[in-house]
């Protein structure tokens, strides 16, 4: 699950940094949450065209995700401060732990790949799963996840990195990680989810 809050070009991003520093710990022990990466992009930094706050979540329990969003479980703070953003969610396909799993990640990347109507989904997903397994051994990788958006038919690869995301991760969007809440990190399924 992820939502993007795109901010004005002249927005003081220290406001977001302070928000995360003072509130980020609130989900450090959230039941049902695998991890939440508090992500930002700053205009002009690492090729970003925008200032953006874009938290990314991996949930172990879809019911707890629903509680978070609409059951008074925490999302109301975002709504109160920024309005209600659109929330993208995907069906998880696989998770890989990287060699840097024990470190605090400082960077993230997200890559979206369309699945054309003419594509053989089984073949496309098999290739993406093989790519994720390979990515799982990359130096500096903390955690990587593969998911599918069956509404827009896209694959999404999300990765957390110890220091910086390598440029070899294709046409990904790059983020800075301000904080990682990971109460259920060890409970995330390893490898393919089916």
Protein backbone atom coordinates (compact mmCIF):
# COMPACT_ATOMS: atom_id res chain seq x y z
CA UNK A 1 0.00 0.00 0.00
CA UNK A 2 1.25 3.49 -0.78
CA UNK A 3 -0.07 7.00 -1.03
CA UNK A 4 1.71 10.05 -2.40
CA UNK A 5 1.26 13.53 -1.02
CA UNK A 6 2.74 15.87 -3.59
CA UNK A 7 3.67 19.19 -2.03
CA UNK A 8 4.31 22.66 -3.53
CA UNK A 9 7.67 23.20 -5.23
CA UNK A 10 8.73 25.66 -2.51
CA UNK A 11 7.47 23.51 0.39
CA UNK A 12 9.83 23.34 3.36
CA UNK A 13 10.54 19.60 3.57
CA UNK A 14 11.89 20.00 7.11
CA UNK A 15 8.20 20.06 8.13
CA UNK A 16 7.84 16.47 6.87
CA UNK A 17 11.15 15.47 8.42
CA UNK A 18 10.01 16.82 11.80
CA UNK A 19 6.62 15.12 11.43
CA UNK A 20 8.30 11.75 10.91
CA UNK A 21 10.83 12.37 13.70
CA UNK A 22 8.03 13.09 16.19
CA UNK A 23 5.30 10.73 14.95
CA UNK A 24 7.09 7.97 13.03
CA UNK A 25 7.44 5.71 16.05
CA UNK A 26 3.62 5.41 16.36
CA UNK A 27 3.56 2.33 14.11
CA UNK A 28 6.70 0.66 15.48
CA UNK A 29 4.54 -1.96 17.20
CA UNK A 30 1.40 -1.94 15.00
CA UNK A 31 -0.24 -5.40 14.84
CA UNK A 32 -0.60 -6.75 11.31
CA UNK A 33 2.02 -4.41 9.82
CA UNK A 34 5.06 -5.97 8.23
CA UNK A 35 6.77 -2.64 7.61
CA UNK A 36 6.14 1.01 6.89
CA UNK A 37 8.86 3.01 5.16
CA UNK A 38 8.45 6.76 5.67
CA UNK A 39 9.57 8.01 2.26
CA UNK A 40 10.24 11.43 0.79
CA UNK A 41 11.37 12.81 -2.53
CA UNK A 42 12.72 16.34 -2.78
CA UNK A 43 12.50 18.39 -5.92
CA UNK A 44 15.86 18.54 -7.65
CA UNK A 45 17.40 15.77 -5.51
CA UNK A 46 18.22 12.43 -7.17
CA UNK A 47 16.25 13.45 -10.25
CA UNK A 48 12.96 14.05 -8.44
CA UNK A 49 10.67 16.54 -10.19
CA UNK A 50 8.54 16.99 -7.03
CA UNK A 51 8.49 17.40 -3.28
CA UNK A 52 6.59 14.41 -2.00
CA UNK A 53 5.79 12.45 1.13
CA UNK A 54 5.03 8.88 0.02
CA UNK A 55 4.87 6.25 2.80
CA UNK A 56 4.99 2.62 1.68
CA UNK A 57 3.52 -0.28 3.67
CA UNK A 58 3.76 -4.06 3.55
CA UNK A 59 0.91 -5.55 5.59
CA UNK A 60 0.77 -9.07 7.01
CA UNK A 61 -2.97 -8.72 7.65
CA UNK A 62 -5.35 -7.05 5.16
CA UNK A 63 -7.93 -6.58 7.91
CA UNK A 64 -5.45 -4.49 9.89
CA UNK A 65 -4.81 -2.43 6.74
CA UNK A 66 -8.56 -1.77 6.56
CA UNK A 67 -8.61 -0.81 10.23
CA UNK A 68 -5.72 1.60 9.64
CA UNK A 69 -7.46 3.25 6.69
CA UNK A 70 -11.10 3.47 7.78
CA UNK A 71 -11.42 2.12 11.31
CA UNK A 72 -9.78 4.95 13.18
CA UNK A 73 -6.48 3.13 13.21
CA UNK A 74 -4.12 5.96 12.25
CA UNK A 75 -4.78 7.23 8.73
CA UNK A 76 -7.01 10.01 10.07
CA UNK A 77 -3.84 11.99 10.97
CA UNK A 78 -2.84 12.16 7.30
CA UNK A 79 -6.40 13.09 6.30
CA UNK A 80 -6.57 15.84 8.93
CA UNK A 81 -3.25 17.38 7.87
CA UNK A 82 -3.21 16.88 4.09
CA UNK A 83 -6.69 15.80 2.97
CA UNK A 84 -7.56 12.28 1.89
CA UNK A 85 -5.07 11.03 -0.71
CA UNK A 86 -5.72 8.18 -3.10
CA UNK A 87 -4.23 4.98 -1.72
CA UNK A 88 -2.75 2.46 -4.13
CA UNK A 89 -2.65 -1.13 -3.04
CA UNK A 90 -1.33 -4.20 -4.74
CA UNK A 91 -1.60 -7.94 -4.34
CA UNK A 92 1.68 -9.18 -2.89
CA UNK A 93 3.49 -11.85 -4.89
CA UNK A 94 6.86 -12.24 -3.15
CA UNK A 95 9.24 -10.77 -0.58
CA UNK A 96 13.01 -11.21 -0.42
CA UNK A 97 15.30 -10.37 2.48
CA UNK A 98 18.58 -8.86 1.40
CA UNK A 99 22.08 -9.04 2.87
CA UNK A 100 21.52 -5.68 4.64
CA UNK A 101 18.27 -6.74 6.37
CA UNK A 102 19.80 -6.00 9.80
CA UNK A 103 20.58 -2.35 8.98
CA UNK A 104 18.44 0.79 8.97
CA UNK A 105 17.62 1.50 5.31
CA UNK A 106 18.20 5.04 4.07
CA UNK A 107 16.96 4.72 0.47
CA UNK A 108 14.14 3.07 -1.45
CA UNK A 109 13.17 2.46 -5.04
CA UNK A 110 9.86 1.65 -6.68
CA UNK A 111 9.58 0.37 -10.23
CA UNK A 112 6.30 -0.06 -12.11
CA UNK A 113 6.20 -2.25 -15.21
CA UNK A 114 3.06 -2.48 -17.38
CA UNK A 115 1.69 -5.90 -18.31
CA UNK A 116 0.37 -5.50 -21.87
CA UNK A 117 -2.89 -7.28 -22.73
CA UNK A 118 -0.93 -9.44 -25.16
CA UNK A 119 1.53 -10.56 -22.46
CA UNK A 120 1.44 -14.06 -21.05
CA UNK A 121 0.89 -13.27 -17.36
CA UNK A 122 2.39 -16.53 -16.12
CA UNK A 123 5.60 -15.93 -18.07
CA UNK A 124 5.80 -12.25 -17.12
CA UNK A 125 5.33 -12.98 -13.41
CA UNK A 126 7.78 -15.91 -13.51
CA UNK A 127 10.42 -13.60 -15.01
CA UNK A 128 9.67 -10.90 -12.41
CA UNK A 129 9.92 -13.46 -9.58
CA UNK A 130 13.31 -14.60 -10.91
CA UNK A 131 14.39 -10.95 -11.08
CA UNK A 132 13.29 -10.40 -7.48
CA UNK A 133 15.25 -13.46 -6.30
CA UNK A 134 18.32 -12.07 -8.06
CA UNK A 135 17.72 -8.62 -6.55
CA UNK A 136 17.53 -10.30 -3.12
CA UNK A 137 21.28 -10.93 -3.24
CA UNK A 138 22.25 -7.37 -4.18
CA UNK A 139 24.78 -5.64 -1.94
CA UNK A 140 23.06 -3.14 0.31
CA UNK A 141 19.56 -4.54 -0.18
CA UNK A 142 17.44 -4.59 2.97
CA UNK A 143 14.12 -5.95 1.64
CA UNK A 144 12.48 -6.24 -1.78
CA UNK A 145 8.86 -6.98 -2.65
CA UNK A 146 7.02 -7.81 -5.86
CA UNK A 147 3.31 -7.13 -6.27
CA UNK A 148 0.70 -6.89 -9.02
CA UNK A 149 -1.93 -4.24 -9.64
CA UNK A 150 -4.71 -6.17 -11.41
CA UNK A 151 -6.74 -2.98 -12.01
CA UNK A 152 -4.08 -1.35 -14.20
CA UNK A 153 -2.17 -4.59 -14.89
CA UNK A 154 1.24 -3.50 -13.69
CA UNK A 155 3.96 -5.18 -11.69
CA UNK A 156 5.53 -3.19 -8.89
CA UNK A 157 8.95 -3.88 -7.40
CA UNK A 158 9.72 -2.04 -4.19
CA UNK A 159 13.15 -2.19 -2.56
CA UNK A 160 14.71 -0.78 0.59
CA UNK A 161 18.44 -0.07 0.51
CA UNK A 162 21.04 0.37 3.24
CA UNK A 163 22.54 3.53 1.76
CA UNK A 164 21.41 4.31 -1.77
CA UNK A 165 19.51 2.57 -4.49
CA UNK A 166 21.79 1.43 -7.30
CA UNK A 167 21.16 2.96 -10.69
CA UNK A 168 20.87 -0.56 -12.07
CA UNK A 169 17.31 -0.78 -10.74
CA UNK A 170 16.10 0.50 -14.08
CA UNK A 171 13.61 3.30 -14.47
CA UNK A 172 12.62 3.26 -10.81
CA UNK A 173 11.56 6.22 -8.71
CA UNK A 174 13.98 6.87 -5.86
CA UNK A 175 13.16 7.92 -2.31
CA UNK A 176 14.89 8.79 0.93
CA UNK A 177 13.80 6.70 3.93
CA UNK A 178 13.31 8.86 7.02
CA UNK A 179 12.22 6.04 9.34
CA UNK A 180 11.28 2.37 9.16
CA UNK A 181 8.59 0.88 11.37
CA UNK A 182 8.96 -2.88 11.05
CA UNK A 183 6.97 -4.67 13.75
CA UNK A 184 6.19 -7.69 11.56
CA UNK A 185 9.26 -7.73 9.32
CA UNK A 186 10.24 -11.26 10.29
CA UNK A 187 6.64 -12.42 9.73
CA UNK A 188 6.58 -11.30 6.09
CA UNK A 189 6.48 -14.39 3.88
CA UNK A 190 9.82 -15.34 2.38
CA UNK A 191 9.84 -15.83 -1.37
CA UNK A 192 6.70 -16.39 -3.41
CA UNK A 193 3.43 -16.07 -1.50
CA UNK A 194 1.65 -19.00 -3.12
